[in-house]
């Protein structure tokens, strides 16, 4: 039985890690945006509050933010709708 919290610094790259294992998570667009926003806020305060954190952590955050941004961009592209206006107010009228 362990007593108290974590004793050692967290090791991101353990030799015994099974890199064939993976997980999936489903999120809606609001959740994706919230995680992206949270990471942006965390990174903006990085130097102030996270002195001594491993550089691999920042590399991972940058990678994860790019993935989230890709998801947001995909959503914006696939859900973009242009409203058609029936009143033609162009100078050339219906000739364009």
PDB file of N, CA and C in Angstrom:
ATOM      1  N   UNK A   1       0.849  -1.178   0.000  1.00  0.00           N
ATOM      2  CA  UNK A   1       0.000   0.000   0.000  1.00  0.00           C
ATOM      3  C   UNK A   1       0.891   1.237   0.000  1.00  0.00           C
ATOM      4  N   UNK A   2       0.588   2.178  -0.853  1.00  0.00           N
ATOM      5  CA  UNK A   2       1.394   3.398  -0.899  1.00  0.00           C
ATOM      6  C   UNK A   2       0.830   4.426   0.077  1.00  0.00           C
ATOM      7  N   UNK A   3       1.721   5.221   0.597  1.00  0.00           N
ATOM      8  CA  UNK A   3       1.329   6.262   1.537  1.00  0.00           C
ATOM      9  C   UNK A   3       1.683   7.607   0.924  1.00  0.00           C
ATOM     10  N   UNK A   4       0.719   8.512   0.909  1.00  0.00           N
ATOM     11  CA  UNK A   4       0.982   9.829   0.340  1.00  0.00           C
ATOM     12  C   UNK A   4       0.883   9.795  -1.174  1.00  0.00           C
ATOM     13  N   UNK A   5       1.218  10.885  -1.796  1.00  0.00           N
ATOM     14  CA  UNK A   5       1.100  11.018  -3.243  1.00  0.00           C
ATOM     15  C   UNK A   5       2.312  10.514  -3.982  1.00  0.00           C
ATOM     16  N   UNK A   6       2.548  11.102  -5.105  1.00  0.00           N
ATOM     17  CA  UNK A   6       3.631  10.726  -5.994  1.00  0.00           C
ATOM     18  C   UNK A   6       4.968  11.043  -5.343  1.00  0.00           C
ATOM     19  N   UNK A   7       5.907  10.112  -5.411  1.00  0.00           N
ATOM     20  CA  UNK A   7       7.200  10.293  -4.750  1.00  0.00           C
ATOM     21  C   UNK A   7       8.285  10.821  -5.690  1.00  0.00           C
ATOM     22  N   UNK A   8       8.294  10.359  -6.926  1.00  0.00           N
ATOM     23  CA  UNK A   8       9.348  10.726  -7.876  1.00  0.00           C
ATOM     24  C   UNK A   8       8.784  11.608  -8.980  1.00  0.00           C
ATOM     25  N   UNK A   9       9.695  12.262  -9.724  1.00  0.00           N
ATOM     26  CA  UNK A   9       9.274  13.018 -10.901  1.00  0.00           C
ATOM     27  C   UNK A   9       8.642  12.057 -11.892  1.00  0.00           C
ATOM     28  N   UNK A  10       7.634  12.529 -12.608  1.00  0.00           N
ATOM     29  CA  UNK A  10       6.958  11.680 -13.581  1.00  0.00           C
ATOM     30  C   UNK A  10       7.885  11.397 -14.745  1.00  0.00           C
ATOM     31  N   UNK A  11       7.939  10.146 -15.169  1.00  0.00           N
ATOM     32  CA  UNK A  11       8.774   9.731 -16.294  1.00  0.00           C
ATOM     33  C   UNK A  11       7.859   9.487 -17.489  1.00  0.00           C
ATOM     34  N   UNK A  12       7.969  10.361 -18.504  1.00  0.00           N
ATOM     35  CA  UNK A  12       7.111  10.236 -19.681  1.00  0.00           C
ATOM     36  C   UNK A  12       7.495   9.055 -20.566  1.00  0.00           C
ATOM     37  N   UNK A  13       8.751   8.672 -20.528  1.00  0.00           N
ATOM     38  CA  UNK A  13       9.260   7.652 -21.446  1.00  0.00           C
ATOM     39  C   UNK A  13       9.869   6.493 -20.671  1.00  0.00           C
ATOM     40  N   UNK A  14       9.036   5.589 -20.219  1.00  0.00           N
ATOM     41  CA  UNK A  14       9.525   4.416 -19.492  1.00  0.00           C
ATOM     42  C   UNK A  14       9.888   3.322 -20.492  1.00  0.00           C
ATOM     43  N   UNK A  15      10.961   2.622 -20.234  1.00  0.00           N
ATOM     44  CA  UNK A  15      11.419   1.542 -21.111  1.00  0.00           C
ATOM     45  C   UNK A  15      10.354   0.453 -21.265  1.00  0.00           C
ATOM     46  N   UNK A  16       9.618   0.173 -20.198  1.00  0.00           N
ATOM     47  CA  UNK A  16       8.646  -0.922 -20.230  1.00  0.00           C
ATOM     48  C   UNK A  16       7.300  -0.532 -20.846  1.00  0.00           C
ATOM     49  N   UNK A  17       7.159   0.700 -21.324  1.00  0.00           N
ATOM     50  CA  UNK A  17       5.901   1.134 -21.936  1.00  0.00           C
ATOM     51  C   UNK A  17       5.561   0.280 -23.154  1.00  0.00           C
ATOM     52  N   UNK A  18       4.318  -0.169 -23.231  1.00  0.00           N
ATOM     53  CA  UNK A  18       3.819  -0.927 -24.374  1.00  0.00           C
ATOM     54  C   UNK A  18       3.263   0.073 -25.383  1.00  0.00           C
ATOM     55  N   UNK A  19       4.034   0.373 -26.420  1.00  0.00           N
ATOM     56  CA  UNK A  19       3.639   1.389 -27.394  1.00  0.00           C
ATOM     57  C   UNK A  19       2.620   0.879 -28.415  1.00  0.00           C
ATOM     58  N   UNK A  20       2.265  -0.403 -28.325  1.00  0.00           N
ATOM     59  CA  UNK A  20       1.209  -0.952 -29.179  1.00  0.00           C
ATOM     60  C   UNK A  20      -0.172  -0.677 -28.579  1.00  0.00           C
ATOM     61  N   UNK A  21      -0.243  -0.347 -27.285  1.00  0.00           N
ATOM     62  CA  UNK A  21      -1.496  -0.039 -26.605  1.00  0.00           C
ATOM     63  C   UNK A  21      -1.928   1.372 -26.987  1.00  0.00           C
ATOM     64  N   UNK A  22      -3.216   1.602 -27.158  1.00  0.00           N
ATOM     65  CA  UNK A  22      -3.726   2.928 -27.451  1.00  0.00           C
ATOM     66  C   UNK A  22      -5.158   3.047 -26.975  1.00  0.00           C
ATOM     67  N   UNK A  23      -5.646   4.280 -26.939  1.00  0.00           N
ATOM     68  CA  UNK A  23      -7.007   4.545 -26.482  1.00  0.00           C
ATOM     69  C   UNK A  23      -7.670   5.544 -27.425  1.00  0.00           C
ATOM     70  N   UNK A  24      -8.982   5.551 -27.421  1.00  0.00           N
ATOM     71  CA  UNK A  24      -9.769   6.507 -28.194  1.00  0.00           C
ATOM     72  C   UNK A  24     -10.687   7.259 -27.257  1.00  0.00           C
ATOM     73  N   UNK A  25     -11.028   8.473 -27.681  1.00  0.00           N
ATOM     74  CA  UNK A  25     -11.965   9.280 -26.901  1.00  0.00           C
ATOM     75  C   UNK A  25     -12.850  10.035 -27.883  1.00  0.00           C
ATOM     76  N   UNK A  26     -14.121  10.124 -27.579  1.00  0.00           N
ATOM     77  CA  UNK A  26     -15.054  10.879 -28.424  1.00  0.00           C
ATOM     78  C   UNK A  26     -15.366  12.198 -27.733  1.00  0.00           C
ATOM     79  N   UNK A  27     -15.303  13.289 -28.504  1.00  0.00           N
ATOM     80  CA  UNK A  27     -15.602  14.618 -27.972  1.00  0.00           C
ATOM     81  C   UNK A  27     -16.448  15.362 -28.990  1.00  0.00           C
ATOM     82  N   UNK A  28     -17.323  16.212 -28.489  1.00  0.00           N
ATOM     83  CA  UNK A  28     -18.047  17.079 -29.413  1.00  0.00           C
ATOM     84  C   UNK A  28     -17.212  18.345 -29.633  1.00  0.00           C
ATOM     85  N   UNK A  29     -17.657  19.199 -30.526  1.00  0.00           N
ATOM     86  CA  UNK A  29     -16.862  20.364 -30.900  1.00  0.00           C
ATOM     87  C   UNK A  29     -16.641  21.308 -29.716  1.00  0.00           C
ATOM     88  N   UNK A  30     -17.596  21.427 -28.843  1.00  0.00           N
ATOM     89  CA  UNK A  30     -17.419  22.309 -27.683  1.00  0.00           C
ATOM     90  C   UNK A  30     -16.325  21.789 -26.761  1.00  0.00           C
ATOM     91  N   UNK A  31     -16.274  20.487 -26.581  1.00  0.00           N
ATOM     92  CA  UNK A  31     -15.229  19.895 -25.739  1.00  0.00           C
ATOM     93  C   UNK A  31     -13.846  20.081 -26.372  1.00  0.00           C
ATOM     94  N   UNK A  32     -13.769  19.914 -27.686  1.00  0.00           N
ATOM     95  CA  UNK A  32     -12.491  20.113 -28.390  1.00  0.00           C
ATOM     96  C   UNK A  32     -12.033  21.555 -28.227  1.00  0.00           C
ATOM     97  N   UNK A  33     -12.949  22.492 -28.436  1.00  0.00           N
ATOM     98  CA  UNK A  33     -12.589  23.913 -28.279  1.00  0.00           C
ATOM     99  C   UNK A  33     -12.149  24.220 -26.849  1.00  0.00           C
ATOM    100  N   UNK A  34     -12.823  23.618 -25.857  1.00  0.00           N
ATOM    101  CA  UNK A  34     -12.475  23.891 -24.465  1.00  0.00           C
ATOM    102  C   UNK A  34     -11.089  23.356 -24.119  1.00  0.00           C
ATOM    103  N   UNK A  35     -10.768  22.160 -24.586  1.00  0.00           N
ATOM    104  CA  UNK A  35      -9.433  21.613 -24.333  1.00  0.00           C
ATOM    105  C   UNK A  35      -8.381  22.472 -25.020  1.00  0.00           C
ATOM    106  N   UNK A  36      -8.648  22.895 -26.261  1.00  0.00           N
ATOM    107  CA  UNK A  36      -7.708  23.753 -26.981  1.00  0.00           C
ATOM    108  C   UNK A  36      -7.483  25.064 -26.218  1.00  0.00           C
ATOM    109  N   UNK A  37      -8.562  25.667 -25.765  1.00  0.00           N
ATOM    110  CA  UNK A  37      -8.466  26.920 -25.008  1.00  0.00           C
ATOM    111  C   UNK A  37      -7.699  26.722 -23.705  1.00  0.00           C
ATOM    112  N   UNK A  38      -7.944  25.612 -23.020  1.00  0.00           N
ATOM    113  CA  UNK A  38      -7.248  25.322 -21.771  1.00  0.00           C
ATOM    114  C   UNK A  38      -5.750  25.156 -21.999  1.00  0.00           C
ATOM    115  N   UNK A  39      -5.379  24.459 -23.074  1.00  0.00           N
ATOM    116  CA  UNK A  39      -3.957  24.291 -23.386  1.00  0.00           C
ATOM    117  C   UNK A  39      -3.303  25.628 -23.729  1.00  0.00           C
ATOM    118  N   UNK A  40      -4.009  26.474 -24.456  1.00  0.00           N
ATOM    119  CA  UNK A  40      -3.468  27.808 -24.783  1.00  0.00           C
ATOM    120  C   UNK A  40      -3.213  28.600 -23.508  1.00  0.00           C
ATOM    121  N   UNK A  41      -4.166  28.559 -22.585  1.00  0.00           N
ATOM    122  CA  UNK A  41      -4.010  29.268 -21.313  1.00  0.00           C
ATOM    123  C   UNK A  41      -2.851  28.693 -20.509  1.00  0.00           C
ATOM    124  N   UNK A  42      -2.769  27.387 -20.453  1.00  0.00           N
ATOM    125  CA  UNK A  42      -1.691  26.722 -19.716  1.00  0.00           C
ATOM    126  C   UNK A  42      -0.331  27.121 -20.295  1.00  0.00           C
ATOM    127  N   UNK A  43      -0.219  27.106 -21.614  1.00  0.00           N
ATOM    128  CA  UNK A  43       1.053  27.460 -22.238  1.00  0.00           C
ATOM    129  C   UNK A  43       1.395  28.933 -22.052  1.00  0.00           C
ATOM    130  N   UNK A  44       0.398  29.789 -22.009  1.00  0.00           N
ATOM    131  CA  UNK A  44       0.672  31.221 -21.828  1.00  0.00           C
ATOM    132  C   UNK A  44       1.237  31.503 -20.435  1.00  0.00           C
ATOM    133  N   UNK A  45       0.979  30.606 -19.492  1.00  0.00           N
ATOM    134  CA  UNK A  45       1.493  30.748 -18.131  1.00  0.00           C
ATOM    135  C   UNK A  45       2.665  29.810 -17.843  1.00  0.00           C
ATOM    136  N   UNK A  46       3.197  29.198 -18.872  1.00  0.00           N
ATOM    137  CA  UNK A  46       4.223  28.173 -18.732  1.00  0.00           C
ATOM    138  C   UNK A  46       5.428  28.653 -17.928  1.00  0.00           C
ATOM    139  N   UNK A  47       6.034  29.755 -18.360  1.00  0.00           N
ATOM    140  CA  UNK A  47       7.249  30.238 -17.702  1.00  0.00           C
ATOM    141  C   UNK A  47       6.988  30.693 -16.273  1.00  0.00           C
ATOM    142  N   UNK A  48       5.815  31.225 -16.039  1.00  0.00           N
ATOM    143  CA  UNK A  48       5.475  31.750 -14.716  1.00  0.00           C
ATOM    144  C   UNK A  48       5.293  30.648 -13.673  1.00  0.00           C
ATOM    145  N   UNK A  49       4.625  29.572 -14.059  1.00  0.00           N
ATOM    146  CA  UNK A  49       4.229  28.560 -13.080  1.00  0.00           C
ATOM    147  C   UNK A  49       4.889  27.195 -13.248  1.00  0.00           C
ATOM    148  N   UNK A  50       5.557  26.949 -14.355  1.00  0.00           N
ATOM    149  CA  UNK A  50       6.040  25.601 -14.630  1.00  0.00           C
ATOM    150  C   UNK A  50       7.545  25.510 -14.806  1.00  0.00           C
ATOM    151  N   UNK A  51       8.276  26.295 -14.077  1.00  0.00           N
ATOM    152  CA  UNK A  51       9.729  26.227 -14.156  1.00  0.00           C
ATOM    153  C   UNK A  51      10.181  24.819 -13.794  1.00  0.00           C
ATOM    154  N   UNK A  52      11.093  24.310 -14.575  1.00  0.00           N
ATOM    155  CA  UNK A  52      11.620  22.992 -14.291  1.00  0.00           C
ATOM    156  C   UNK A  52      10.847  21.840 -14.894  1.00  0.00           C
ATOM    157  N   UNK A  53       9.751  22.119 -15.605  1.00  0.00           N
ATOM    158  CA  UNK A  53       9.007  21.034 -16.244  1.00  0.00           C
ATOM    159  C   UNK A  53       9.843  20.488 -17.393  1.00  0.00           C
ATOM    160  N   UNK A  54       9.700  19.202 -17.715  1.00  0.00           N
ATOM    161  CA  UNK A  54      10.503  18.618 -18.795  1.00  0.00           C
ATOM    162  C   UNK A  54      10.135  19.209 -20.151  1.00  0.00           C
ATOM    163  N   UNK A  55      11.125  19.442 -21.018  1.00  0.00           N
ATOM    164  CA  UNK A  55      10.826  20.017 -22.347  1.00  0.00           C
ATOM    165  C   UNK A  55       9.914  19.121 -23.174  1.00  0.00           C
ATOM    166  N   UNK A  56       9.925  17.816 -22.925  1.00  0.00           N
ATOM    167  CA  UNK A  56       9.042  16.897 -23.656  1.00  0.00           C
ATOM    168  C   UNK A  56       7.571  17.227 -23.411  1.00  0.00           C
ATOM    169  N   UNK A  57       7.275  17.780 -22.255  1.00  0.00           N
ATOM    170  CA  UNK A  57       5.897  18.143 -21.949  1.00  0.00           C
ATOM    171  C   UNK A  57       5.426  19.263 -22.879  1.00  0.00           C
ATOM    172  N   UNK A  58       6.257  20.282 -23.086  1.00  0.00           N
ATOM    173  CA  UNK A  58       5.884  21.371 -23.989  1.00  0.00           C
ATOM    174  C   UNK A  58       5.787  20.874 -25.430  1.00  0.00           C
ATOM    175  N   UNK A  59       6.669  19.978 -25.819  1.00  0.00           N
ATOM    176  CA  UNK A  59       6.598  19.402 -27.167  1.00  0.00           C
ATOM    177  C   UNK A  59       5.284  18.651 -27.353  1.00  0.00           C
ATOM    178  N   UNK A  60       4.893  17.892 -26.340  1.00  0.00           N
ATOM    179  CA  UNK A  60       3.627  17.170 -26.412  1.00  0.00           C
ATOM    180  C   UNK A  60       2.451  18.135 -26.493  1.00  0.00           C
ATOM    181  N   UNK A  61       2.476  19.202 -25.682  1.00  0.00           N
ATOM    182  CA  UNK A  61       1.386  20.180 -25.710  1.00  0.00           C
ATOM    183  C   UNK A  61       1.262  20.818 -27.081  1.00  0.00           C
ATOM    184  N   UNK A  62       2.386  21.155 -27.697  1.00  0.00           N
ATOM    185  CA  UNK A  62       2.356  21.737 -29.046  1.00  0.00           C
ATOM    186  C   UNK A  62       1.772  20.753 -30.052  1.00  0.00           C
ATOM    187  N   UNK A  63       2.182  19.479 -29.947  1.00  0.00           N
ATOM    188  CA  UNK A  63       1.646  18.453 -30.837  1.00  0.00           C
ATOM    189  C   UNK A  63       0.135  18.298 -30.638  1.00  0.00           C
ATOM    190  N   UNK A  64      -0.302  18.238 -29.377  1.00  0.00           N
ATOM    191  CA  UNK A  64      -1.720  18.046 -29.076  1.00  0.00           C
ATOM    192  C   UNK A  64      -2.544  19.256 -29.525  1.00  0.00           C
ATOM    193  N   UNK A  65      -2.004  20.461 -29.332  1.00  0.00           N
ATOM    194  CA  UNK A  65      -2.719  21.660 -29.784  1.00  0.00           C
ATOM    195  C   UNK A  65      -2.890  21.647 -31.302  1.00  0.00           C
ATOM    196  N   UNK A  66      -1.869  21.209 -32.041  1.00  0.00           N
ATOM    197  CA  UNK A  66      -2.001  21.114 -33.500  1.00  0.00           C
ATOM    198  C   UNK A  66      -3.095  20.131 -33.888  1.00  0.00           C
ATOM    199  N   UNK A  67      -3.174  19.007 -33.190  1.00  0.00           N
ATOM    200  CA  UNK A  67      -4.229  18.023 -33.462  1.00  0.00           C
ATOM    201  C   UNK A  67      -5.610  18.618 -33.187  1.00  0.00           C
ATOM    202  N   UNK A  68      -5.748  19.295 -32.056  1.00  0.00           N
ATOM    203  CA  UNK A  68      -7.033  19.914 -31.719  1.00  0.00           C
ATOM    204  C   UNK A  68      -7.398  21.006 -32.721  1.00  0.00           C
ATOM    205  N   UNK A  69      -6.406  21.810 -33.128  1.00  0.00           N
ATOM    206  CA  UNK A  69      -6.667  22.857 -34.119  1.00  0.00           C
ATOM    207  C   UNK A  69      -7.128  22.236 -35.436  1.00  0.00           C
ATOM    208  N   UNK A  70      -6.542  21.105 -35.801  1.00  0.00           N
ATOM    209  CA  UNK A  70      -6.984  20.410 -37.016  1.00  0.00           C
ATOM    210  C   UNK A  70      -8.438  19.976 -36.908  1.00  0.00           C
ATOM    211  N   UNK A  71      -8.823  19.499 -35.733  1.00  0.00           N
ATOM    212  CA  UNK A  71     -10.219  19.093 -35.517  1.00  0.00           C
ATOM    213  C   UNK A  71     -11.156  20.289 -35.638  1.00  0.00           C
ATOM    214  N   UNK A  72     -10.772  21.413 -35.034  1.00  0.00           N
ATOM    215  CA  UNK A  72     -11.597  22.628 -35.091  1.00  0.00           C
ATOM    216  C   UNK A  72     -11.706  23.118 -36.530  1.00  0.00           C
ATOM    217  N   UNK A  73     -10.595  23.116 -37.252  1.00  0.00           N
ATOM    218  CA  UNK A  73     -10.599  23.557 -38.650  1.00  0.00           C
ATOM    219  C   UNK A  73     -11.480  22.654 -39.499  1.00  0.00           C
ATOM    220  N   UNK A  74     -11.388  21.348 -39.273  1.00  0.00           N
ATOM    221  CA  UNK A  74     -12.226  20.411 -40.017  1.00  0.00           C
ATOM    222  C   UNK A  74     -13.704  20.675 -39.740  1.00  0.00           C
ATOM    223  N   UNK A  75     -14.039  20.888 -38.477  1.00  0.00           N
ATOM    224  CA  UNK A  75     -15.426  21.186 -38.127  1.00  0.00           C
ATOM    225  C   UNK A  75     -15.890  22.468 -38.819  1.00  0.00           C
ATOM    226  N   UNK A  76     -15.059  23.514 -38.750  1.00  0.00           N
ATOM    227  CA  UNK A  76     -15.446  24.788 -39.362  1.00  0.00           C
ATOM    228  C   UNK A  76     -15.624  24.644 -40.869  1.00  0.00           C
ATOM    229  N   UNK A  77     -14.770  23.852 -41.507  1.00  0.00           N
ATOM    230  CA  UNK A  77     -14.868  23.656 -42.953  1.00  0.00           C
ATOM    231  C   UNK A  77     -16.106  22.847 -43.322  1.00  0.00           C
ATOM    232  N   UNK A  78     -16.364  21.773 -42.599  1.00  0.00           N
ATOM    233  CA  UNK A  78     -17.485  20.910 -42.957  1.00  0.00           C
ATOM    234  C   UNK A  78     -18.834  21.465 -42.514  1.00  0.00           C
ATOM    235  N   UNK A  79     -18.836  22.442 -41.628  1.00  0.00           N
ATOM    236  CA  UNK A  79     -20.094  23.014 -41.149  1.00  0.00           C
ATOM    237  C   UNK A  79     -20.295  24.458 -41.592  1.00  0.00           C
ATOM    238  N   UNK A  80     -19.527  24.877 -42.585  1.00  0.00           N
ATOM    239  CA  UNK A  80     -19.634  26.245 -43.092  1.00  0.00           C
ATOM    240  C   UNK A  80     -20.831  26.327 -44.034  1.00  0.00           C
ATOM    241  N   UNK A  81     -21.709  27.268 -43.776  1.00  0.00           N
ATOM    242  CA  UNK A  81     -22.871  27.474 -44.630  1.00  0.00           C
ATOM    243  C   UNK A  81     -22.917  28.928 -45.046  1.00  0.00           C
ATOM    244  N   UNK A  82     -23.199  29.142 -46.322  1.00  0.00           N
ATOM    245  CA  UNK A  82     -23.321  30.492 -46.859  1.00  0.00           C
ATOM    246  C   UNK A  82     -24.795  30.762 -47.087  1.00  0.00           C
ATOM    247  N   UNK A  83     -25.244  31.855 -46.525  1.00  0.00           N
ATOM    248  CA  UNK A  83     -26.654  32.212 -46.670  1.00  0.00           C
ATOM    249  C   UNK A  83     -26.864  32.856 -48.034  1.00  0.00           C
ATOM    250  N   UNK A  84     -27.823  32.321 -48.789  1.00  0.00           N
ATOM    251  CA  UNK A  84     -28.138  32.901 -50.102  1.00  0.00           C
ATOM    252  C   UNK A  84     -29.091  34.068 -49.920  1.00  0.00           C
ATOM    253  N   UNK A  85     -28.821  35.124 -50.658  1.00  0.00           N
ATOM    254  CA  UNK A  85     -29.677  36.313 -50.609  1.00  0.00           C
ATOM    255  C   UNK A  85     -30.457  36.372 -51.911  1.00  0.00           C
ATOM    256  N   UNK A  86     -31.757  36.446 -51.812  1.00  0.00           N
ATOM    257  CA  UNK A  86     -32.592  36.459 -53.012  1.00  0.00           C
ATOM    258  C   UNK A  86     -32.626  37.832 -53.669  1.00  0.00           C
ATOM    259  N   UNK A  87     -32.352  38.900 -52.928  1.00  0.00           N
ATOM    260  CA  UNK A  87     -32.353  40.258 -53.468  1.00  0.00           C
ATOM    261  C   UNK A  87     -30.991  40.548 -54.079  1.00  0.00           C
ATOM    262  N   UNK A  88     -30.915  40.665 -55.399  1.00  0.00           N
ATOM    263  CA  UNK A  88     -29.649  40.913 -56.083  1.00  0.00           C
ATOM    264  C   UNK A  88     -29.371  42.414 -56.087  1.00  0.00           C
ATOM    265  N   UNK A  89     -28.414  42.846 -55.295  1.00  0.00           N
ATOM    266  CA  UNK A  89     -28.104  44.273 -55.183  1.00  0.00           C
ATOM    267  C   UNK A  89     -26.795  44.630 -55.858  1.00  0.00           C
ATOM    268  N   UNK A  90     -26.257  43.711 -56.693  1.00  0.00           N
ATOM    269  CA  UNK A  90     -25.010  44.033 -57.382  1.00  0.00           C
ATOM    270  C   UNK A  90     -25.283  45.074 -58.462  1.00  0.00           C
ATOM    271  N   UNK A  91     -24.296  45.916 -58.793  1.00  0.00           N
ATOM    272  CA  UNK A  91     -24.521  46.956 -59.806  1.00  0.00           C
ATOM    273  C   UNK A  91     -24.949  46.410 -61.157  1.00  0.00           C
ATOM    274  N   UNK A  92     -24.479  45.213 -61.520  1.00  0.00           N
ATOM    275  CA  UNK A  92     -24.833  44.660 -62.837  1.00  0.00           C
ATOM    276  C   UNK A  92     -26.087  43.806 -62.789  1.00  0.00           C
ATOM    277  N   UNK A  93     -26.712  43.766 -61.653  1.00  0.00           N
ATOM    278  CA  UNK A  93     -27.944  42.982 -61.533  1.00  0.00           C
ATOM    279  C   UNK A  93     -27.689  41.508 -61.673  1.00  0.00           C
ATOM    280  N   UNK A  94     -28.514  40.829 -62.454  1.00  0.00           N
ATOM    281  CA  UNK A  94     -28.385  39.379 -62.586  1.00  0.00           C
ATOM    282  C   UNK A  94     -27.386  38.985 -63.657  1.00  0.00           C
ATOM    283  N   UNK A  95     -26.649  39.933 -64.240  1.00  0.00           N
ATOM    284  CA  UNK A  95     -25.689  39.622 -65.284  1.00  0.00           C
ATOM    285  C   UNK A  95     -24.410  38.972 -64.755  1.00  0.00           C
ATOM    286  N   UNK A  96     -24.158  39.010 -63.423  1.00  0.00           N
ATOM    287  CA  UNK A  96     -22.910  38.451 -62.903  1.00  0.00           C
ATOM    288  C   UNK A  96     -23.056  37.047 -62.436  1.00  0.00           C
TER     289      UNK A  96
END
